Amino acid sequence: MSTFDTPLPPFSSSDPHATFLSSTCLDLLLIELVPLAHRLAHDLSLPLSTTTTTTTTTSSNTSTSPPNPNPTSPPPPPSSTNLDDDELRESVFYRLELLGYRVGHGLAERFSRDRARMNDTLDVIKFCCKDLWTIVFRKQIDNLKTNHRGVYVLTDNTFRPFSRMSTEAGGGALVRAQPYLWFPCGVIRGALANMGVQASVQAETTELPGAIFKIETIGRVG
């Protein structure tokens, strides 16, 4: 079942045919996503063998990569060479944000299909603040502000992935926490895209466990 609500008949914990997923699984997944993205970026940055390099070069000469269909999506990760810190960070961001985009797009498709079409962008943003955030993080966004010119600021005072993170002074907690915001940025952008709103999403944290997400809409499709 894809909900955190108490299961209703005919679903029950005693039903041998019902399929359930513990909400703790998502918590564990979110904890592991960032280290996994770092490992992938590091492993893919290792020097390739001569044979692999030759094959890759030959293939690249006979094919052309398609253009990025979404102008608001992050740039593709750097090629598989030794990466410096900035390139590694961008590679990790790309993987986490794109993964979040796919998750958000799918969740919006699943949980908005029985709703009336939301023609107003603010209604779409409110859906993300209430329904989507509750599905993913089991709580609603605490505060929503807008300048009514396409900019929306969402504040989560107790962002769930930060709830167990160390806040020891001088420990660089804010720096270490930043990558954990990239996946939810993608979730928001994917959900908005599914409902016809093209936007860029940025996030920051100034004090744990709070998180601030800034959405800048580019326009609506359809």
Protein backbone atom coordinates (compact mmCIF):
# COMPACT_ATOMS: atom_id res chain seq x y z
CA MET A 1 0.00 0.00 0.00
CA SER A 2 1.26 3.47 -0.87
CA THR A 3 -0.02 5.40 2.11
CA PHE A 4 0.79 6.04 5.77
CA ASP A 5 -2.90 6.01 6.78
CA THR A 6 -4.38 3.18 8.82
CA PRO A 7 -5.33 0.43 6.35
CA LEU A 8 -9.05 0.07 5.78
CA PRO A 9 -10.98 -3.04 4.79
CA PRO A 10 -10.34 -5.18 2.84
CA PHE A 11 -6.71 -4.41 3.73
CA SER A 12 -5.45 -5.51 7.14
CA SER A 13 -2.25 -6.77 8.68
CA SER A 14 -3.80 -10.23 8.94
CA ASP A 15 -4.66 -10.41 5.23
CA PRO A 16 -2.16 -12.83 3.65
CA HIS A 17 -2.74 -11.29 0.22
CA ALA A 18 -2.16 -7.67 1.21
CA THR A 19 1.25 -6.12 0.53
CA PHE A 20 2.65 -3.54 2.94
CA LEU A 21 5.87 -1.53 3.08
CA SER A 22 7.17 -0.18 6.37
CA SER A 23 7.54 3.59 6.38
CA THR A 24 10.92 3.06 8.03
CA CYS A 25 12.20 1.73 4.70
CA LEU A 26 11.98 5.22 3.21
CA ASP A 27 13.89 6.69 6.15
CA LEU A 28 16.67 4.15 5.66
CA LEU A 29 16.67 4.75 1.91
CA LEU A 30 17.05 8.52 2.35
CA ILE A 31 19.94 7.96 4.77
CA GLU A 32 21.78 5.76 2.26
CA LEU A 33 21.09 7.74 -0.92
CA VAL A 34 23.79 10.36 -0.39
CA PRO A 35 26.64 7.93 0.48
CA LEU A 36 25.59 5.76 -2.46
CA ALA A 37 25.67 8.72 -4.85
CA HIS A 38 29.14 9.65 -3.56
CA ARG A 39 30.41 6.10 -4.07
CA LEU A 40 29.02 5.97 -7.59
CA ALA A 41 30.54 9.32 -8.51
CA HIS A 42 33.90 8.26 -7.09
CA ASP A 43 33.91 4.84 -8.75
CA LEU A 44 32.92 6.26 -12.13
CA SER A 45 35.66 8.89 -11.87
CA LEU A 46 38.43 6.28 -11.66
CA PRO A 47 40.70 6.06 -14.73
CA LEU A 48 39.35 3.66 -17.32
CA SER A 49 41.44 0.91 -18.87
CA THR A 50 42.97 1.48 -22.30
CA THR A 51 40.57 -0.97 -23.89
CA THR A 52 37.53 0.60 -22.33
CA THR A 53 38.73 4.06 -23.28
CA THR A 54 39.23 3.05 -26.89
CA THR A 55 35.80 1.45 -27.07
CA THR A 56 34.17 4.46 -25.48
CA THR A 57 35.93 6.83 -27.87
CA THR A 58 34.88 4.81 -30.89
CA SER A 59 31.28 4.69 -29.71
CA SER A 60 31.20 8.41 -29.07
CA ASN A 61 32.32 9.09 -32.64
CA THR A 62 29.45 7.09 -34.11
CA SER A 63 26.60 8.40 -31.95
CA THR A 64 25.19 11.74 -30.99
CA SER A 65 23.72 12.40 -27.56
CA PRO A 66 20.15 13.76 -27.70
CA PRO A 67 19.58 17.29 -26.39
CA ASN A 68 18.26 17.76 -22.86
CA PRO A 69 14.46 17.92 -23.29
CA ASN A 70 13.96 19.73 -19.99
CA PRO A 71 15.68 23.13 -19.71
CA THR A 72 15.14 23.21 -15.96
CA SER A 73 16.90 19.93 -15.27
CA PRO A 74 20.48 19.94 -13.97
CA PRO A 75 23.35 19.46 -16.42
CA PRO A 76 24.59 15.90 -16.99
CA PRO A 77 27.38 14.67 -14.74
CA PRO A 78 30.99 15.18 -15.82
CA SER A 79 32.61 12.44 -17.90
CA SER A 80 34.33 9.53 -16.21
CA THR A 81 37.73 11.03 -15.44
CA ASN A 82 39.44 12.02 -12.24
CA LEU A 83 37.07 14.58 -10.71
CA ASP A 84 37.98 17.51 -8.50
CA ASP A 85 35.79 18.42 -5.52
CA ASP A 86 33.46 20.70 -7.49
CA GLU A 87 32.94 18.17 -10.26
CA LEU A 88 32.35 15.40 -7.76
CA ARG A 89 29.78 17.53 -5.95
CA GLU A 90 28.00 18.32 -9.21
CA SER A 91 27.98 14.67 -10.20
CA VAL A 92 26.42 13.70 -6.86
CA PHE A 93 23.87 16.51 -7.19
CA TYR A 94 22.89 15.39 -10.67
CA ARG A 95 22.23 11.80 -9.61
CA LEU A 96 20.28 12.67 -6.46
CA GLU A 97 18.22 15.41 -8.07
CA LEU A 98 17.34 13.32 -11.10
CA LEU A 99 16.37 10.37 -8.92
CA GLY A 100 14.14 12.66 -6.86
CA TYR A 101 12.62 14.03 -10.06
CA ARG A 102 11.56 10.57 -11.16
CA VAL A 103 10.10 9.79 -7.73
CA GLY A 104 8.21 13.09 -7.52
CA HIS A 105 6.88 12.71 -11.05
CA GLY A 106 5.57 9.24 -10.28
CA LEU A 107 4.03 10.22 -6.93
CA ALA A 108 2.20 13.17 -8.47
CA GLU A 109 0.89 10.90 -11.22
CA ARG A 110 -0.38 8.40 -8.67
CA PHE A 111 -1.89 10.68 -6.04
CA SER A 112 -3.29 13.52 -8.15
CA ARG A 113 -5.08 11.47 -10.78
CA ASP A 114 -8.38 11.37 -8.84
CA ARG A 115 -8.36 15.12 -8.21
CA ALA A 116 -9.89 17.86 -10.29
CA ARG A 117 -7.36 19.50 -12.59
CA MET A 118 -5.42 22.22 -10.77
CA ASN A 119 -5.28 25.18 -13.13
CA ASP A 120 -3.72 27.61 -10.67
CA THR A 121 0.00 27.27 -9.92
CA LEU A 122 -0.58 28.11 -6.27
CA ASP A 123 -2.92 25.13 -5.95
CA VAL A 124 -0.20 22.89 -7.38
CA ILE A 125 2.32 24.28 -4.87
CA LYS A 126 -0.16 23.67 -2.03
CA PHE A 127 -0.57 20.08 -3.21
CA CYS A 128 3.20 19.64 -2.86
CA CYS A 129 3.21 21.27 0.58
CA LYS A 130 0.38 19.17 1.97
CA ASP A 131 -0.26 15.93 0.12
CA LEU A 132 3.14 15.23 -1.41
CA TRP A 133 5.13 16.18 1.69
CA THR A 134 2.88 14.02 3.88
CA ILE A 135 3.35 11.04 1.57
CA VAL A 136 7.15 11.34 1.56
CA PHE A 137 7.96 12.83 4.98
CA ARG A 138 4.77 12.17 7.01
CA LYS A 139 4.14 15.83 7.76
CA GLN A 140 3.13 18.98 5.94
CA ILE A 141 5.33 21.94 5.08
CA ASP A 142 5.21 24.35 8.03
CA ASN A 143 5.18 27.61 6.08
CA LEU A 144 4.56 28.74 2.51
CA LYS A 145 5.35 32.23 1.24
CA THR A 146 5.09 33.71 -2.24
CA ASN A 147 5.67 37.05 -3.91
CA HIS A 148 2.86 36.22 -6.39
CA ARG A 149 5.40 36.58 -9.19
CA GLY A 150 6.37 32.96 -9.56
CA VAL A 151 8.60 32.59 -6.50
CA TYR A 152 7.56 30.32 -3.62
CA VAL A 153 9.45 29.63 -0.39
CA LEU A 154 8.62 26.45 1.53
CA THR A 155 9.87 26.06 5.09
CA ASP A 156 10.03 22.75 6.95
CA ASN A 157 11.04 23.46 10.54
CA THR A 158 11.71 19.79 11.33
CA PHE A 159 12.85 18.24 8.06
CA ARG A 160 12.66 14.51 8.68
CA PRO A 161 16.04 13.43 7.18
CA PHE A 162 17.72 15.95 9.52
CA SER A 163 15.92 14.79 12.67
CA ARG A 164 18.68 12.35 13.67
CA MET A 165 21.60 14.31 12.29
CA SER A 166 24.30 15.52 14.67
CA THR A 167 24.28 19.27 15.31
CA GLU A 168 27.57 19.44 17.18
CA ALA A 169 29.02 22.96 16.99
CA GLY A 170 32.03 23.25 14.73
CA GLY A 171 31.40 19.83 13.24
CA GLY A 172 30.42 21.09 9.80
CA ALA A 173 26.92 19.70 10.18
CA LEU A 174 25.35 22.23 7.82
CA VAL A 175 27.83 21.41 5.08
CA ARG A 176 27.28 17.67 5.48
CA ALA A 177 23.51 18.17 5.53
CA GLN A 178 23.33 20.04 2.22
CA PRO A 179 23.47 16.96 -0.08
CA TYR A 180 20.44 15.51 1.70
CA LEU A 181 18.37 18.38 0.27
CA TRP A 182 19.10 17.52 -3.37
CA PHE A 183 16.81 14.49 -3.53
CA PRO A 184 13.75 16.36 -2.18
CA CYS A 185 14.54 19.22 -4.58
CA GLY A 186 14.13 16.72 -7.38
CA VAL A 187 10.94 15.35 -5.82
CA ILE A 188 9.38 18.81 -5.86
CA ARG A 189 10.53 19.59 -9.39
CA GLY A 190 9.27 16.24 -10.68
CA ALA A 191 5.86 16.63 -9.05
CA LEU A 192 5.49 20.13 -10.44
CA ALA A 193 6.50 18.98 -13.92
CA ASN A 194 3.93 16.20 -13.83
CA MET A 195 1.21 18.77 -13.13
CA GLY A 196 2.39 21.11 -15.86
CA VAL A 197 4.54 23.55 -13.91
CA GLN A 198 8.12 23.99 -15.07
CA ALA A 199 10.33 25.29 -12.27
CA SER A 200 13.77 25.32 -10.72
CA VAL A 201 14.14 24.27 -7.09
CA GLN A 202 16.91 25.17 -4.67
CA ALA A 203 17.27 24.38 -1.00
CA GLU A 204 19.36 25.35 1.99
CA THR A 205 19.55 24.88 5.72
CA THR A 206 20.72 27.54 8.13
CA GLU A 207 19.89 25.67 11.32
CA LEU A 208 19.21 21.97 11.76
CA PRO A 209 16.74 20.35 11.57
CA GLY A 210 15.09 23.07 9.46
CA ALA A 211 15.13 23.26 5.67
CA ILE A 212 14.08 25.95 3.20
CA PHE A 213 13.08 25.22 -0.40
CA LYS A 214 12.86 27.99 -3.00
CA ILE A 215 10.78 27.36 -6.11
CA GLU A 216 11.01 29.64 -9.13
CA THR A 217 8.39 28.82 -11.72
CA ILE A 218 9.19 29.26 -15.38
CA GLY A 219 5.75 28.63 -16.81
CA ARG A 220 2.97 26.11 -17.30
CA VAL A 221 2.64 23.47 -19.97
CA GLY A 222 -0.79 22.57 -21.27
